[in-house]
């Protein structure tokens, strides 16, 4: 039987786990069940801005983004932190 010890900051080191992995845990009686969770990866389109001669930036020709989409992307980014 292998054992683990909880430190004073309530951390447990399990050698089989890798840094950054996320697990859901369930406690039933004296048994703790850990279930690995897979991250949700949304595809985010990347658009490189074009510099104008006056030094300002704009979207490339043919790319149109509404204000509603920009606000939604900013809110989603803020909520994910």
C-alpha atoms as a PDB file:
ATOM      1  CA  UNK A   1       0.000   0.000   0.000  1.00  0.00           C
ATOM      2  CA  UNK A   2       1.293   3.448  -0.902  1.00  0.00           C
ATOM      3  CA  UNK A   3       0.556   6.414   1.333  1.00  0.00           C
ATOM      4  CA  UNK A   4       0.496  10.193   0.909  1.00  0.00           C
ATOM      5  CA  UNK A   5       0.814  12.917   3.537  1.00  0.00           C
ATOM      6  CA  UNK A   6      -1.037  16.233   3.635  1.00  0.00           C
ATOM      7  CA  UNK A   7       1.259  19.189   4.415  1.00  0.00           C
ATOM      8  CA  UNK A   8       0.340  22.280   6.471  1.00  0.00           C
ATOM      9  CA  UNK A   9      -1.036  23.994   3.340  1.00  0.00           C
ATOM     10  CA  UNK A  10      -3.405  21.034   2.680  1.00  0.00           C
ATOM     11  CA  UNK A  11      -1.377  19.827  -0.324  1.00  0.00           C
ATOM     12  CA  UNK A  12      -0.858  16.208  -1.288  1.00  0.00           C
ATOM     13  CA  UNK A  13       1.931  15.042  -3.605  1.00  0.00           C
ATOM     14  CA  UNK A  14       1.064  12.081  -5.808  1.00  0.00           C
ATOM     15  CA  UNK A  15       4.055  11.056  -7.973  1.00  0.00           C
ATOM     16  CA  UNK A  16       1.905   9.735 -10.850  1.00  0.00           C
ATOM     17  CA  UNK A  17       0.279  13.153 -11.380  1.00  0.00           C
ATOM     18  CA  UNK A  18       1.772  15.885 -13.549  1.00  0.00           C
ATOM     19  CA  UNK A  19       1.761  19.630 -12.792  1.00  0.00           C
ATOM     20  CA  UNK A  20      -1.265  21.429 -14.201  1.00  0.00           C
ATOM     21  CA  UNK A  21      -3.535  18.382 -14.356  1.00  0.00           C
ATOM     22  CA  UNK A  22      -7.050  19.010 -13.029  1.00  0.00           C
ATOM     23  CA  UNK A  23      -9.072  16.402 -11.153  1.00  0.00           C
ATOM     24  CA  UNK A  24     -12.596  16.322  -9.767  1.00  0.00           C
ATOM     25  CA  UNK A  25     -12.789  14.648  -6.371  1.00  0.00           C
ATOM     26  CA  UNK A  26     -15.548  12.802  -4.543  1.00  0.00           C
ATOM     27  CA  UNK A  27     -15.486  11.786  -0.910  1.00  0.00           C
ATOM     28  CA  UNK A  28     -17.553   8.760   0.112  1.00  0.00           C
ATOM     29  CA  UNK A  29     -16.900   7.543   3.618  1.00  0.00           C
ATOM     30  CA  UNK A  30     -13.141   7.146   3.911  1.00  0.00           C
ATOM     31  CA  UNK A  31     -12.561   6.808   0.162  1.00  0.00           C
ATOM     32  CA  UNK A  32     -11.488   9.673  -2.085  1.00  0.00           C
ATOM     33  CA  UNK A  33     -12.118   9.228  -5.816  1.00  0.00           C
ATOM     34  CA  UNK A  34     -10.170  11.421  -8.270  1.00  0.00           C
ATOM     35  CA  UNK A  35     -11.441  11.793 -11.836  1.00  0.00           C
ATOM     36  CA  UNK A  36      -9.219  13.520 -14.420  1.00  0.00           C
ATOM     37  CA  UNK A  37     -10.872  16.393 -16.274  1.00  0.00           C
ATOM     38  CA  UNK A  38     -10.023  17.310 -19.839  1.00  0.00           C
ATOM     39  CA  UNK A  39      -9.707  21.040 -20.551  1.00  0.00           C
ATOM     40  CA  UNK A  40     -12.210  22.598 -22.917  1.00  0.00           C
ATOM     41  CA  UNK A  41     -10.284  24.114 -25.778  1.00  0.00           C
ATOM     42  CA  UNK A  42     -12.188  26.605 -27.864  1.00  0.00           C
ATOM     43  CA  UNK A  43     -10.722  27.552 -31.194  1.00  0.00           C
ATOM     44  CA  UNK A  44     -10.045  31.245 -31.157  1.00  0.00           C
ATOM     45  CA  UNK A  45      -9.492  32.865 -34.528  1.00  0.00           C
ATOM     46  CA  UNK A  46      -6.311  34.915 -34.652  1.00  0.00           C
ATOM     47  CA  UNK A  47      -6.289  38.036 -36.801  1.00  0.00           C
ATOM     48  CA  UNK A  48      -3.108  40.051 -37.206  1.00  0.00           C
ATOM     49  CA  UNK A  49      -3.681  43.768 -37.442  1.00  0.00           C
ATOM     50  CA  UNK A  50      -2.239  45.828 -40.284  1.00  0.00           C
ATOM     51  CA  UNK A  51      -0.319  49.014 -39.499  1.00  0.00           C
ATOM     52  CA  UNK A  52      -1.412  52.081 -41.457  1.00  0.00           C
ATOM     53  CA  UNK A  53       1.086  54.688 -42.685  1.00  0.00           C
ATOM     54  CA  UNK A  54      -0.073  57.070 -39.931  1.00  0.00           C
ATOM     55  CA  UNK A  55       0.876  54.512 -37.252  1.00  0.00           C
ATOM     56  CA  UNK A  56      -2.631  53.341 -36.365  1.00  0.00           C
ATOM     57  CA  UNK A  57      -3.818  49.767 -36.809  1.00  0.00           C
ATOM     58  CA  UNK A  58      -6.742  48.240 -38.699  1.00  0.00           C
ATOM     59  CA  UNK A  59      -8.100  44.829 -39.573  1.00  0.00           C
ATOM     60  CA  UNK A  60      -6.936  43.299 -42.866  1.00  0.00           C
ATOM     61  CA  UNK A  61      -9.190  43.696 -45.899  1.00  0.00           C
ATOM     62  CA  UNK A  62     -12.154  41.321 -45.833  1.00  0.00           C
ATOM     63  CA  UNK A  63     -12.189  40.859 -42.034  1.00  0.00           C
ATOM     64  CA  UNK A  64     -15.234  42.311 -40.304  1.00  0.00           C
ATOM     65  CA  UNK A  65     -15.883  41.977 -36.566  1.00  0.00           C
ATOM     66  CA  UNK A  66     -18.924  43.486 -34.891  1.00  0.00           C
ATOM     67  CA  UNK A  67     -18.797  45.382 -31.610  1.00  0.00           C
ATOM     68  CA  UNK A  68     -21.015  42.676 -30.111  1.00  0.00           C
ATOM     69  CA  UNK A  69     -18.411  39.995 -30.950  1.00  0.00           C
ATOM     70  CA  UNK A  70     -15.583  42.105 -29.501  1.00  0.00           C
ATOM     71  CA  UNK A  71     -17.483  42.717 -26.244  1.00  0.00           C
ATOM     72  CA  UNK A  72     -18.341  38.999 -25.969  1.00  0.00           C
ATOM     73  CA  UNK A  73     -14.692  38.001 -26.507  1.00  0.00           C
ATOM     74  CA  UNK A  74     -13.456  40.478 -23.871  1.00  0.00           C
ATOM     75  CA  UNK A  75     -16.042  39.292 -21.324  1.00  0.00           C
ATOM     76  CA  UNK A  76     -15.228  35.635 -22.007  1.00  0.00           C
ATOM     77  CA  UNK A  77     -11.528  36.338 -21.514  1.00  0.00           C
ATOM     78  CA  UNK A  78     -12.163  38.194 -18.243  1.00  0.00           C
ATOM     79  CA  UNK A  79     -14.467  35.462 -16.932  1.00  0.00           C
ATOM     80  CA  UNK A  80     -11.914  32.747 -17.684  1.00  0.00           C
ATOM     81  CA  UNK A  81      -9.371  34.240 -15.277  1.00  0.00           C
END
